[in-house]
Amino acid sequence: ESHVESFLPLLHSTLVACNLFLLTNYISSQWQDLVNVLLVHPK
């Protein structure tokens, strides 16, 4: 049980890092699409 408890923080930090990486990539791709839309349709 102590082995699992020592492994959980590493697993948690890895999941957080993966989520941040995926979220950043998703936001950047969405942002590029938004910029393209704004450039194509200027107000």
N, C-alpha and C. Protein backbone atom coordinates (compact mmCIF):
# COMPACT_ATOMS: atom_id res chain seq x y z
N GLU A 1 0.83 -1.20 0.00
CA GLU A 1 0.00 0.00 0.00
C GLU A 1 0.87 1.26 0.00
N SER A 2 1.98 1.21 0.72
CA SER A 2 2.88 2.38 0.74
C SER A 2 3.49 2.61 -0.64
N HIS A 3 3.67 1.52 -1.40
CA HIS A 3 4.21 1.66 -2.76
C HIS A 3 3.22 2.43 -3.63
N VAL A 4 1.93 2.11 -3.49
CA VAL A 4 0.90 2.81 -4.26
C VAL A 4 0.84 4.28 -3.84
N GLU A 5 0.94 4.53 -2.54
CA GLU A 5 0.87 5.91 -2.06
C GLU A 5 2.05 6.74 -2.56
N SER A 6 3.21 6.11 -2.70
CA SER A 6 4.37 6.85 -3.20
C SER A 6 4.29 7.03 -4.71
N PHE A 7 3.50 6.18 -5.38
CA PHE A 7 3.39 6.26 -6.83
C PHE A 7 2.33 7.27 -7.25
N LEU A 8 1.32 7.50 -6.40
CA LEU A 8 0.22 8.38 -6.78
C LEU A 8 0.65 9.81 -7.10
N PRO A 9 1.51 10.45 -6.30
CA PRO A 9 1.91 11.83 -6.65
C PRO A 9 2.55 11.92 -8.02
N LEU A 10 3.37 10.93 -8.37
CA LEU A 10 4.01 10.93 -9.69
C LEU A 10 2.96 10.80 -10.78
N LEU A 11 2.02 9.89 -10.58
CA LEU A 11 0.95 9.69 -11.56
C LEU A 11 0.11 10.96 -11.70
N HIS A 12 -0.19 11.59 -10.57
CA HIS A 12 -1.00 12.80 -10.58
C HIS A 12 -0.30 13.92 -11.32
N SER A 13 0.98 14.13 -11.05
CA SER A 13 1.72 15.20 -11.72
C SER A 13 1.84 14.92 -13.21
N THR A 14 1.97 13.65 -13.58
CA THR A 14 2.04 13.29 -15.00
C THR A 14 0.72 13.59 -15.69
N LEU A 15 -0.38 13.25 -15.05
CA LEU A 15 -1.70 13.53 -15.63
C LEU A 15 -1.92 15.03 -15.76
N VAL A 16 -1.53 15.79 -14.75
CA VAL A 16 -1.69 17.24 -14.81
C VAL A 16 -0.87 17.82 -15.95
N ALA A 17 0.37 17.35 -16.11
CA ALA A 17 1.22 17.85 -17.19
C ALA A 17 0.62 17.51 -18.55
N CYS A 18 0.10 16.30 -18.71
CA CYS A 18 -0.52 15.91 -19.99
C CYS A 18 -1.75 16.76 -20.26
N ASN A 19 -2.56 16.99 -19.23
CA ASN A 19 -3.77 17.79 -19.42
C ASN A 19 -3.41 19.22 -19.81
N LEU A 20 -2.41 19.80 -19.16
CA LEU A 20 -1.99 21.16 -19.50
C LEU A 20 -1.46 21.21 -20.93
N PHE A 21 -0.70 20.20 -21.33
CA PHE A 21 -0.15 20.16 -22.68
C PHE A 21 -1.26 20.07 -23.72
N LEU A 22 -2.22 19.17 -23.49
CA LEU A 22 -3.33 19.01 -24.43
C LEU A 22 -4.19 20.27 -24.46
N LEU A 23 -4.45 20.84 -23.29
CA LEU A 23 -5.28 22.05 -23.23
C LEU A 23 -4.60 23.20 -23.95
N THR A 24 -3.29 23.35 -23.77
CA THR A 24 -2.57 24.43 -24.44
C THR A 24 -2.60 24.25 -25.95
N ASN A 25 -2.39 23.03 -26.42
CA ASN A 25 -2.44 22.77 -27.87
C ASN A 25 -3.83 23.03 -28.41
N TYR A 26 -4.87 22.63 -27.67
CA TYR A 26 -6.25 22.83 -28.12
C TYR A 26 -6.56 24.32 -28.20
N ILE A 27 -6.17 25.08 -27.17
CA ILE A 27 -6.45 26.51 -27.15
C ILE A 27 -5.70 27.21 -28.27
N SER A 28 -4.46 26.83 -28.52
CA SER A 28 -3.68 27.48 -29.57
C SER A 28 -4.29 27.20 -30.94
N SER A 29 -4.77 25.97 -31.17
CA SER A 29 -5.38 25.65 -32.45
C SER A 29 -6.70 26.40 -32.60
N GLN A 30 -7.49 26.47 -31.53
CA GLN A 30 -8.74 27.22 -31.58
C GLN A 30 -8.47 28.70 -31.81
N TRP A 31 -7.41 29.22 -31.19
CA TRP A 31 -7.06 30.63 -31.32
C TRP A 31 -6.67 30.96 -32.75
N GLN A 32 -5.93 30.05 -33.39
CA GLN A 32 -5.56 30.26 -34.79
C GLN A 32 -6.81 30.30 -35.67
N ASP A 33 -7.77 29.43 -35.42
CA ASP A 33 -9.02 29.44 -36.18
C ASP A 33 -9.76 30.75 -35.95
N LEU A 34 -9.79 31.21 -34.71
CA LEU A 34 -10.48 32.46 -34.39
C LEU A 34 -9.82 33.64 -35.09
N VAL A 35 -8.49 33.67 -35.11
CA VAL A 35 -7.77 34.74 -35.79
C VAL A 35 -8.06 34.71 -37.28
N ASN A 36 -8.10 33.53 -37.87
CA ASN A 36 -8.40 33.42 -39.30
C ASN A 36 -9.81 33.94 -39.59
N VAL A 37 -10.76 33.61 -38.74
CA VAL A 37 -12.13 34.08 -38.93
C VAL A 37 -12.18 35.60 -38.83
N LEU A 38 -11.48 36.17 -37.85
CA LEU A 38 -11.49 37.62 -37.68
C LEU A 38 -10.82 38.31 -38.86
N LEU A 39 -9.77 37.70 -39.41
CA LEU A 39 -9.09 38.31 -40.55
C LEU A 39 -9.95 38.22 -41.81
N VAL A 40 -10.68 37.13 -41.96
CA VAL A 40 -11.52 36.97 -43.15
C VAL A 40 -12.75 37.86 -43.06
N HIS A 41 -13.28 38.03 -41.85
CA HIS A 41 -14.49 38.84 -41.67
C HIS A 41 -14.19 40.04 -40.78
N PRO A 42 -13.54 41.06 -41.30
CA PRO A 42 -13.26 42.24 -40.48
C PRO A 42 -14.53 43.02 -40.19
N LYS A 43 -14.57 43.62 -39.02
CA LYS A 43 -15.77 44.40 -38.67
C LYS A 43 -15.68 45.81 -39.25
